[in-house]
């Protein structure tokens, strides 16, 4: 089985992972969710839990992605 590596897109998530790599999976999931939300119940519940645990980080990720979207429009 081949492992697929996922790298952070945002500076916010890169910085957070450097500070605490134990949360990398959740933070990468949150970042990908903000880029392309999924409609599965499990994904919705997971992202809600991550957002509750990290409200400031979640807001920073959304802001950075919105800024990047504006620059590419």
Protein backbone atom coordinates (compact mmCIF):
# COMPACT_ATOMS: atom_id res chain seq x y z
CA UNK A 1 0.00 0.00 0.00
CA UNK A 2 1.37 3.42 -0.95
CA UNK A 3 1.09 6.30 1.51
CA UNK A 4 -0.10 9.59 0.07
CA UNK A 5 1.39 12.65 1.72
CA UNK A 6 -0.72 15.76 2.01
CA UNK A 7 0.99 19.10 2.55
CA UNK A 8 -0.54 22.24 4.02
CA UNK A 9 -1.80 24.82 1.55
CA UNK A 10 -2.11 27.72 3.98
CA UNK A 11 0.57 29.46 6.04
CA UNK A 12 -1.75 29.21 9.03
CA UNK A 13 -1.86 25.41 8.95
CA UNK A 14 1.87 25.11 8.18
CA UNK A 15 2.67 27.19 11.25
CA UNK A 16 0.23 25.29 13.47
CA UNK A 17 1.65 21.92 12.42
CA UNK A 18 5.18 23.10 13.14
CA UNK A 19 4.07 24.10 16.63
CA UNK A 20 2.25 20.80 17.30
CA UNK A 21 2.57 18.04 14.72
CA UNK A 22 0.18 15.76 16.67
CA UNK A 23 -2.75 17.70 15.25
CA UNK A 24 -1.56 17.58 11.63
CA UNK A 25 -4.26 15.18 10.41
CA UNK A 26 -7.09 17.25 11.85
CA UNK A 27 -5.67 20.55 10.63
CA UNK A 28 -5.09 19.24 7.12
CA UNK A 29 -8.64 17.86 7.12
CA UNK A 30 -10.00 21.26 8.20
CA UNK A 31 -8.00 23.04 5.52
CA UNK A 32 -9.18 20.67 2.77
CA UNK A 33 -12.76 20.96 4.06
CA UNK A 34 -12.62 24.74 3.81
CA UNK A 35 -11.36 24.39 0.24
CA UNK A 36 -13.93 21.77 -0.80
CA UNK A 37 -16.64 20.85 1.73
CA UNK A 38 -17.94 17.29 1.76
CA UNK A 39 -21.50 16.30 2.45
CA UNK A 40 -20.96 13.09 4.39
CA UNK A 41 -22.25 13.10 7.96
CA UNK A 42 -18.93 11.90 9.35
CA UNK A 43 -16.99 14.67 7.62
CA UNK A 44 -19.47 17.32 8.79
CA UNK A 45 -19.21 16.11 12.39
CA UNK A 46 -15.42 15.95 12.27
CA UNK A 47 -15.00 19.46 10.88
CA UNK A 48 -17.48 20.84 13.42
CA UNK A 49 -15.47 19.29 16.24
CA UNK A 50 -12.18 20.64 14.86
CA UNK A 51 -13.69 24.12 14.47
CA UNK A 52 -14.99 24.08 18.07
CA UNK A 53 -11.56 23.07 19.36
CA UNK A 54 -9.74 25.65 17.21
CA UNK A 55 -12.10 28.54 16.44
CA UNK A 56 -9.37 31.14 15.87
CA UNK A 57 -7.33 28.85 13.65
CA UNK A 58 -10.42 27.89 11.64
CA UNK A 59 -11.23 31.58 11.10
CA UNK A 60 -7.64 32.29 10.02
CA UNK A 61 -7.74 29.40 7.53
CA UNK A 62 -11.01 30.69 6.03
CA UNK A 63 -9.60 34.22 5.80
CA UNK A 64 -6.39 33.09 4.13
CA UNK A 65 -8.25 30.93 1.63
CA UNK A 66 -10.66 33.79 0.86
CA UNK A 67 -7.72 36.12 0.29
CA UNK A 68 -6.08 33.60 -2.04
CA UNK A 69 -9.37 33.20 -3.94
CA UNK A 70 -9.66 36.96 -4.37
CA UNK A 71 -6.13 37.18 -5.72
CA UNK A 72 -6.84 34.46 -8.30
CA UNK A 73 -10.13 35.99 -9.45
